[in-house]
C-alpha atoms as a PDB file:
ATOM      1  CA  UNK A   1     106.520 109.846  93.448  1.00  0.00           C
ATOM      2  CA  UNK A   2     106.405 110.403  96.894  1.00  0.00           C
ATOM      3  CA  UNK A   3     107.305 114.470  96.177  1.00  0.00           C
ATOM      4  CA  UNK A   4     104.351 114.277  93.690  1.00  0.00           C
ATOM      5  CA  UNK A   5     101.846 112.618  95.764  1.00  0.00           C
ATOM      6  CA  UNK A   6     103.072 114.806  98.741  1.00  0.00           C
ATOM      7  CA  UNK A   7     102.866 118.190  96.145  1.00  0.00           C
ATOM      8  CA  UNK A   8      99.357 117.087  95.385  1.00  0.00           C
ATOM      9  CA  UNK A   9      98.095 116.669  98.967  1.00  0.00           C
ATOM     10  CA  UNK A  10      99.384 120.193  99.630  1.00  0.00           C
ATOM     11  CA  UNK A  11      97.380 121.827  96.884  1.00  0.00           C
ATOM     12  CA  UNK A  12      94.445 124.048  98.116  1.00  0.00           C
ATOM     13  CA  UNK A  13      91.326 125.483  96.804  1.00  0.00           C
ATOM     14  CA  UNK A  14      88.403 127.631  97.802  1.00  0.00           C
ATOM     15  CA  UNK A  15      86.039 126.064 100.010  1.00  0.00           C
ATOM     16  CA  UNK A  16      83.097 127.890  98.206  1.00  0.00           C
ATOM     17  CA  UNK A  17      82.455 124.998  95.800  1.00  0.00           C
ATOM     18  CA  UNK A  18      82.586 122.030  98.476  1.00  0.00           C
ATOM     19  CA  UNK A  19      80.309 124.398 100.681  1.00  0.00           C
ATOM     20  CA  UNK A  20      77.798 124.805  98.102  1.00  0.00           C
ATOM     21  CA  UNK A  21      77.602 121.281  97.339  1.00  0.00           C
ATOM     22  CA  UNK A  22      77.101 120.301 100.816  1.00  0.00           C
ATOM     23  CA  UNK A  23      74.053 122.952 101.058  1.00  0.00           C
ATOM     24  CA  UNK A  24      72.729 121.293  97.786  1.00  0.00           C
ATOM     25  CA  UNK A  25      72.827 118.004  98.934  1.00  0.00           C
ATOM     26  CA  UNK A  26      71.629 118.886 102.678  1.00  0.00           C
ATOM     27  CA  UNK A  27      68.603 120.239 100.898  1.00  0.00           C
ATOM     28  CA  UNK A  28      67.790 117.641  98.255  1.00  0.00           C
ATOM     29  CA  UNK A  29      67.895 115.264 100.876  1.00  0.00           C
ATOM     30  CA  UNK A  30      66.032 117.058 103.381  1.00  0.00           C
ATOM     31  CA  UNK A  31      63.145 117.240 100.479  1.00  0.00           C
ATOM     32  CA  UNK A  32      63.398 113.556  99.577  1.00  0.00           C
ATOM     33  CA  UNK A  33      62.892 112.749 102.942  1.00  0.00           C
ATOM     34  CA  UNK A  34      59.891 115.123 103.311  1.00  0.00           C
ATOM     35  CA  UNK A  35      58.387 113.644  99.872  1.00  0.00           C
ATOM     36  CA  UNK A  36      58.844 109.819 101.368  1.00  0.00           C
ATOM     37  CA  UNK A  37      56.995 110.770 104.353  1.00  0.00           C
ATOM     38  CA  UNK A  38      53.963 113.159 102.399  1.00  0.00           C
ATOM     39  CA  UNK A  39      53.497 110.083 100.253  1.00  0.00           C
ATOM     40  CA  UNK A  40      52.807 107.800 103.158  1.00  0.00           C
ATOM     41  CA  UNK A  41      55.562 105.534 102.194  1.00  0.00           C
ATOM     42  CA  UNK A  42      56.711 105.098 105.584  1.00  0.00           C
ATOM     43  CA  UNK A  43      53.797 103.291 106.887  1.00  0.00           C
ATOM     44  CA  UNK A  44      53.118 101.157 103.693  1.00  0.00           C
ATOM     45  CA  UNK A  45      56.666 100.385 102.796  1.00  0.00           C
ATOM     46  CA  UNK A  46      58.194  99.411 106.685  1.00  0.00           C
ATOM     47  CA  UNK A  47      55.117  99.368 109.279  1.00  0.00           C
ATOM     48  CA  UNK A  48      52.431  97.937 107.759  1.00  0.00           C
ATOM     49  CA  UNK A  49      54.006  94.713 106.001  1.00  0.00           C
ATOM     50  CA  UNK A  50      54.314  91.912 107.842  1.00  0.00           C
ATOM     51  CA  UNK A  51      57.639  90.597 106.386  1.00  0.00           C
ATOM     52  CA  UNK A  52      60.728  92.248 105.142  1.00  0.00           C
ATOM     53  CA  UNK A  53      63.280  91.167 102.725  1.00  0.00           C
ATOM     54  CA  UNK A  54      66.907  91.732 104.707  1.00  0.00           C
ATOM     55  CA  UNK A  55      69.974  91.803 102.745  1.00  0.00           C
ATOM     56  CA  UNK A  56      72.603  89.178 103.554  1.00  0.00           C
ATOM     57  CA  UNK A  57      74.466  89.798 106.705  1.00  0.00           C
ATOM     58  CA  UNK A  58      71.921  92.250 107.882  1.00  0.00           C
ATOM     59  CA  UNK A  59      69.145  90.485 109.188  1.00  0.00           C
ATOM     60  CA  UNK A  60      69.487  92.691 112.360  1.00  0.00           C
ATOM     61  CA  UNK A  61      68.407  95.616 110.870  1.00  0.00           C
ATOM     62  CA  UNK A  62      64.625  95.219 110.831  1.00  0.00           C
ATOM     63  CA  UNK A  63      61.800  98.760 110.882  1.00  0.00           C
ATOM     64  CA  UNK A  64      61.346  99.892 114.280  1.00  0.00           C
ATOM     65  CA  UNK A  65      57.650  99.953 114.136  1.00  0.00           C
ATOM     66  CA  UNK A  66      56.160 103.276 115.105  1.00  0.00           C
ATOM     67  CA  UNK A  67      59.844 104.614 115.886  1.00  0.00           C
ATOM     68  CA  UNK A  68      60.706 104.171 112.202  1.00  0.00           C
ATOM     69  CA  UNK A  69      59.085 107.873 111.915  1.00  0.00           C
ATOM     70  CA  UNK A  70      61.242 108.770 114.549  1.00  0.00           C
ATOM     71  CA  UNK A  71      64.279 107.470 112.218  1.00  0.00           C
ATOM     72  CA  UNK A  72      63.324 109.676 109.490  1.00  0.00           C
ATOM     73  CA  UNK A  73      62.882 112.561 111.701  1.00  0.00           C
ATOM     74  CA  UNK A  74      66.289 112.210 112.808  1.00  0.00           C
ATOM     75  CA  UNK A  75      67.863 111.772 109.047  1.00  0.00           C
ATOM     76  CA  UNK A  76      65.986 114.714 107.749  1.00  0.00           C
ATOM     77  CA  UNK A  77      66.679 116.986 110.782  1.00  0.00           C
ATOM     78  CA  UNK A  78      70.676 115.742 110.141  1.00  0.00           C
ATOM     79  CA  UNK A  79      70.095 116.878 106.183  1.00  0.00           C
ATOM     80  CA  UNK A  80      68.934 120.071 107.461  1.00  0.00           C
ATOM     81  CA  UNK A  81      71.750 120.553 109.683  1.00  0.00           C
ATOM     82  CA  UNK A  82      73.884 119.486 106.972  1.00  0.00           C
ATOM     83  CA  UNK A  83      72.597 122.116 104.646  1.00  0.00           C
ATOM     84  CA  UNK A  84      72.987 125.237 107.141  1.00  0.00           C
ATOM     85  CA  UNK A  85      76.526 123.618 108.053  1.00  0.00           C
ATOM     86  CA  UNK A  86      75.448 123.288 111.947  1.00  0.00           C
ATOM     87  CA  UNK A  87      77.119 120.774 114.030  1.00  0.00           C
ATOM     88  CA  UNK A  88      78.441 119.384 110.356  1.00  0.00           C
ATOM     89  CA  UNK A  89      80.434 116.329 111.460  1.00  0.00           C
ATOM     90  CA  UNK A  90      77.779 115.316 114.048  1.00  0.00           C
ATOM     91  CA  UNK A  91      74.817 115.597 111.384  1.00  0.00           C
ATOM     92  CA  UNK A  92      76.627 114.050 108.617  1.00  0.00           C
ATOM     93  CA  UNK A  93      77.244 110.654 110.550  1.00  0.00           C
ATOM     94  CA  UNK A  94      73.946 110.875 111.513  1.00  0.00           C
ATOM     95  CA  UNK A  95      72.693 111.169 108.344  1.00  0.00           C
ATOM     96  CA  UNK A  96      74.870 108.373 106.953  1.00  0.00           C
ATOM     97  CA  UNK A  97      73.741 105.954 109.794  1.00  0.00           C
ATOM     98  CA  UNK A  98      70.141 106.838 109.545  1.00  0.00           C
ATOM     99  CA  UNK A  99      69.837 106.941 105.646  1.00  0.00           C
ATOM    100  CA  UNK A 100      72.024 103.509 105.448  1.00  0.00           C
ATOM    101  CA  UNK A 101      69.643 101.671 108.109  1.00  0.00           C
ATOM    102  CA  UNK A 102      66.782 102.845 106.352  1.00  0.00           C
ATOM    103  CA  UNK A 103      67.773 101.515 103.291  1.00  0.00           C
ATOM    104  CA  UNK A 104      68.986  98.178 105.006  1.00  0.00           C
ATOM    105  CA  UNK A 105      65.581  97.325 106.512  1.00  0.00           C
ATOM    106  CA  UNK A 106      64.309  95.878 103.040  1.00  0.00           C
ATOM    107  CA  UNK A 107      65.921  95.434  99.994  1.00  0.00           C
ATOM    108  CA  UNK A 108      62.860  95.489  98.009  1.00  0.00           C
ATOM    109  CA  UNK A 109      63.287  99.331  98.114  1.00  0.00           C
ATOM    110  CA  UNK A 110      66.601  99.417  96.811  1.00  0.00           C
ATOM    111  CA  UNK A 111      67.654 101.933  94.239  1.00  0.00           C
ATOM    112  CA  UNK A 112      71.378 102.238  93.168  1.00  0.00           C
ATOM    113  CA  UNK A 113      70.791 106.047  93.975  1.00  0.00           C
ATOM    114  CA  UNK A 114      70.101 105.562  97.356  1.00  0.00           C
ATOM    115  CA  UNK A 115      73.283 103.203  97.454  1.00  0.00           C
ATOM    116  CA  UNK A 116      75.486 105.982  95.750  1.00  0.00           C
ATOM    117  CA  UNK A 117      73.879 108.535  98.487  1.00  0.00           C
ATOM    118  CA  UNK A 118      75.313 106.322 101.480  1.00  0.00           C
ATOM    119  CA  UNK A 119      78.599 105.992 100.066  1.00  0.00           C
ATOM    120  CA  UNK A 120      78.664 109.648  99.435  1.00  0.00           C
ATOM    121  CA  UNK A 121      77.571 110.608 102.755  1.00  0.00           C
ATOM    122  CA  UNK A 122      80.190 108.282 104.269  1.00  0.00           C
ATOM    123  CA  UNK A 123      82.453 109.879 102.201  1.00  0.00           C
ATOM    124  CA  UNK A 124      81.723 113.570 103.061  1.00  0.00           C
ATOM    125  CA  UNK A 125      82.075 112.590 106.760  1.00  0.00           C
ATOM    126  CA  UNK A 126      85.895 112.974 106.186  1.00  0.00           C
ATOM    127  CA  UNK A 127      85.737 116.265 104.354  1.00  0.00           C
ATOM    128  CA  UNK A 128      85.871 119.672 105.291  1.00  0.00           C
ATOM    129  CA  UNK A 129      82.751 120.665 104.077  1.00  0.00           C
ATOM    130  CA  UNK A 130      81.756 123.113 106.717  1.00  0.00           C
ATOM    131  CA  UNK A 131      84.290 125.257 106.379  1.00  0.00           C
ATOM    132  CA  UNK A 132      82.876 128.120 104.376  1.00  0.00           C
ATOM    133  CA  UNK A 133      78.687 129.315 104.336  1.00  0.00           C
ATOM    134  CA  UNK A 134      77.945 127.518 107.257  1.00  0.00           C
ATOM    135  CA  UNK A 135      76.766 128.332 111.043  1.00  0.00           C
ATOM    136  CA  UNK A 136      80.081 126.340 112.451  1.00  0.00           C
ATOM    137  CA  UNK A 137      82.295 128.730 110.566  1.00  0.00           C
ATOM    138  CA  UNK A 138      81.659 132.085 111.884  1.00  0.00           C
ATOM    139  CA  UNK A 139      81.383 130.170 115.561  1.00  0.00           C
ATOM    140  CA  UNK A 140      85.000 128.027 114.814  1.00  0.00           C
ATOM    141  CA  UNK A 141      87.320 129.029 117.630  1.00  0.00           C
ATOM    142  CA  UNK A 142      90.187 126.648 115.578  1.00  0.00           C
ATOM    143  CA  UNK A 143      91.820 129.274 113.307  1.00  0.00           C
ATOM    144  CA  UNK A 144      91.899 126.489 110.624  1.00  0.00           C
ATOM    145  CA  UNK A 145      88.347 126.736 110.449  1.00  0.00           C
ATOM    146  CA  UNK A 146      88.511 130.310 109.676  1.00  0.00           C
ATOM    147  CA  UNK A 147      90.450 129.536 106.357  1.00  0.00           C
ATOM    148  CA  UNK A 148      88.500 129.871 103.447  1.00  0.00           C
ATOM    149  CA  UNK A 149      90.753 127.215 101.695  1.00  0.00           C
ATOM    150  CA  UNK A 150      90.390 123.391 101.653  1.00  0.00           C
ATOM    151  CA  UNK A 151      92.447 120.904 100.360  1.00  0.00           C
ATOM    152  CA  UNK A 152      92.222 120.198  96.657  1.00  0.00           C
ATOM    153  CA  UNK A 153      91.755 116.347  97.401  1.00  0.00           C
ATOM    154  CA  UNK A 154      88.541 117.031  99.172  1.00  0.00           C
ATOM    155  CA  UNK A 155      86.921 118.432  96.134  1.00  0.00           C
ATOM    156  CA  UNK A 156      88.792 115.676  93.787  1.00  0.00           C
ATOM    157  CA  UNK A 157      87.299 112.910  95.954  1.00  0.00           C
ATOM    158  CA  UNK A 158      83.871 113.771  95.148  1.00  0.00           C
ATOM    159  CA  UNK A 159      84.716 114.336  91.892  1.00  0.00           C
ATOM    160  CA  UNK A 160      86.141 111.144  91.488  1.00  0.00           C
ATOM    161  CA  UNK A 161      83.143 109.299  93.195  1.00  0.00           C
ATOM    162  CA  UNK A 162      80.606 111.160  91.026  1.00  0.00           C
ATOM    163  CA  UNK A 163      82.942 110.368  87.715  1.00  0.00           C
ATOM    164  CA  UNK A 164      82.558 106.699  88.527  1.00  0.00           C
ATOM    165  CA  UNK A 165      78.712 106.541  88.689  1.00  0.00           C
ATOM    166  CA  UNK A 166      78.114 108.639  85.751  1.00  0.00           C
ATOM    167  CA  UNK A 167      80.755 106.913  83.433  1.00  0.00           C
ATOM    168  CA  UNK A 168      79.482 103.604  84.405  1.00  0.00           C
ATOM    169  CA  UNK A 169      75.895 104.638  83.874  1.00  0.00           C
ATOM    170  CA  UNK A 170      77.020 105.687  80.409  1.00  0.00           C
ATOM    171  CA  UNK A 171      78.399 102.619  79.302  1.00  0.00           C
ATOM    172  CA  UNK A 172      75.676 100.960  80.533  1.00  0.00           C
ATOM    173  CA  UNK A 173      73.364 102.571  78.273  1.00  0.00           C
ATOM    174  CA  UNK A 174      75.264 101.684  75.173  1.00  0.00           C
ATOM    175  CA  UNK A 175      73.112  98.489  74.210  1.00  0.00           C
ATOM    176  CA  UNK A 176      70.468  97.846  71.447  1.00  0.00           C
ATOM    177  CA  UNK A 177      67.721  98.061  73.935  1.00  0.00           C
ATOM    178  CA  UNK A 178      68.487 101.314  74.951  1.00  0.00           C
ATOM    179  CA  UNK A 179      69.933 102.920  71.953  1.00  0.00           C
ATOM    180  CA  UNK A 180      68.031 101.507  68.848  1.00  0.00           C
ATOM    181  CA  UNK A 181      64.926 100.574  70.993  1.00  0.00           C
ATOM    182  CA  UNK A 182      64.762 103.737  73.118  1.00  0.00           C
ATOM    183  CA  UNK A 183      63.769 101.269  76.043  1.00  0.00           C
ATOM    184  CA  UNK A 184      62.459 101.904  78.894  1.00  0.00           C
ATOM    185  CA  UNK A 185      62.059 105.456  78.246  1.00  0.00           C
ATOM    186  CA  UNK A 186      59.506 104.667  75.460  1.00  0.00           C
ATOM    187  CA  UNK A 187      57.704 102.975  78.366  1.00  0.00           C
ATOM    188  CA  UNK A 188      58.337 105.784  81.106  1.00  0.00           C
ATOM    189  CA  UNK A 189      58.088 109.019  79.012  1.00  0.00           C
ATOM    190  CA  UNK A 190      54.427 108.264  77.592  1.00  0.00           C
ATOM    191  CA  UNK A 191      53.136 107.766  81.423  1.00  0.00           C
ATOM    192  CA  UNK A 192      53.940 111.594  81.951  1.00  0.00           C
ATOM    193  CA  UNK A 193      51.062 112.801  79.903  1.00  0.00           C
ATOM    194  CA  UNK A 194      49.585 114.863  82.126  1.00  0.00           C
ATOM    195  CA  UNK A 195      52.609 116.905  82.569  1.00  0.00           C
ATOM    196  CA  UNK A 196      51.521 120.805  81.655  1.00  0.00           C
ATOM    197  CA  UNK A 197      53.062 121.511  78.301  1.00  0.00           C
ATOM    198  CA  UNK A 198      55.072 118.642  78.069  1.00  0.00           C
ATOM    199  CA  UNK A 199      52.568 116.076  78.272  1.00  0.00           C
ATOM    200  CA  UNK A 200      52.059 115.751  74.667  1.00  0.00           C
ATOM    201  CA  UNK A 201      55.583 115.845  73.728  1.00  0.00           C
ATOM    202  CA  UNK A 202      56.163 112.894  76.115  1.00  0.00           C
ATOM    203  CA  UNK A 203      54.150 111.028  73.588  1.00  0.00           C
ATOM    204  CA  UNK A 204      56.380 111.504  70.524  1.00  0.00           C
ATOM    205  CA  UNK A 205      58.723 108.859  69.659  1.00  0.00           C
ATOM    206  CA  UNK A 206      61.366 110.819  68.385  1.00  0.00           C
ATOM    207  CA  UNK A 207      61.333 112.654  72.100  1.00  0.00           C
ATOM    208  CA  UNK A 208      62.005 108.842  73.688  1.00  0.00           C
ATOM    209  CA  UNK A 209      65.287 108.464  70.966  1.00  0.00           C
ATOM    210  CA  UNK A 210      66.082 111.823  71.955  1.00  0.00           C
ATOM    211  CA  UNK A 211      66.104 111.223  75.734  1.00  0.00           C
ATOM    212  CA  UNK A 212      68.148 107.825  75.213  1.00  0.00           C
ATOM    213  CA  UNK A 213      70.744 109.111  73.392  1.00  0.00           C
ATOM    214  CA  UNK A 214      71.492 112.544  75.152  1.00  0.00           C
ATOM    215  CA  UNK A 215      71.084 110.508  78.307  1.00  0.00           C
ATOM    216  CA  UNK A 216      74.024 108.191  77.422  1.00  0.00           C
ATOM    217  CA  UNK A 217      76.188 110.846  75.991  1.00  0.00           C
ATOM    218  CA  UNK A 218      75.584 113.205  79.035  1.00  0.00           C
ATOM    219  CA  UNK A 219      76.634 110.710  81.661  1.00  0.00           C
ATOM    220  CA  UNK A 220      79.689 109.511  79.407  1.00  0.00           C
ATOM    221  CA  UNK A 221      80.650 113.549  79.255  1.00  0.00           C
ATOM    222  CA  UNK A 222      80.253 114.051  83.096  1.00  0.00           C
ATOM    223  CA  UNK A 223      83.738 112.922  84.161  1.00  0.00           C
ATOM    224  CA  UNK A 224      85.301 114.990  81.448  1.00  0.00           C
ATOM    225  CA  UNK A 225      83.156 117.911  82.577  1.00  0.00           C
ATOM    226  CA  UNK A 226      84.290 117.720  86.027  1.00  0.00           C
ATOM    227  CA  UNK A 227      87.865 117.394  85.183  1.00  0.00           C
ATOM    228  CA  UNK A 228      87.488 120.598  82.705  1.00  0.00           C
ATOM    229  CA  UNK A 229      88.347 123.928  84.755  1.00  0.00           C
ATOM    230  CA  UNK A 230      88.867 127.090  83.373  1.00  0.00           C
ATOM    231  CA  UNK A 231      92.226 128.949  84.075  1.00  0.00           C
ATOM    232  CA  UNK A 232      91.723 130.810  87.444  1.00  0.00           C
ATOM    233  CA  UNK A 233      88.705 128.690  88.423  1.00  0.00           C
ATOM    234  CA  UNK A 234      88.613 126.286  91.444  1.00  0.00           C
ATOM    235  CA  UNK A 235      85.130 124.941  90.902  1.00  0.00           C
ATOM    236  CA  UNK A 236      83.638 121.600  91.820  1.00  0.00           C
END
């Protein structure tokens, strides 16, 4: 057993897949922060309200008044630095702390996606995601950072986290409301009537059912697609 574990821990893989994941993660988080600010949600969600619903044990986490904008700015800059691989370790720690603080300020803004991002960013603190395609990479003085390989477990850990999220999301969709009544997509999709070219399609009942069933199947298949690897491939 110990030899099997050690053998797995000694396995290496290309650093490119994790680097691409890091870039995509950083850019998506940067876009989310910019979008949040552009819609005026920082002010309407955190500054204007006089009362906020705190999480149990986190009563001390409160909006910072006008400094809340600074908190979002730090989070956005950290996300950008993650994407370009600049001071990666410090950047991912700052992102995890600032993003998690933002989510803990008021539980009425809770989304399971945000909880997942906090978990994922915490995991990424311990991963060598700056080994490739990063500003840190060419400036590294440590010879280990110049090796374009990383431990296999660092990629598999993200696969595992994604698999858990998607698989249980798929299981949660196996119910009569989702599959037999196409709810809540039957409510959500018609509201997209103003989408160019697709607005009319969103009104069709068969589309609601198609989205419901394909969404369930997609979520359940993700873990198997992540596990499947073509021979000679080391992709995430």
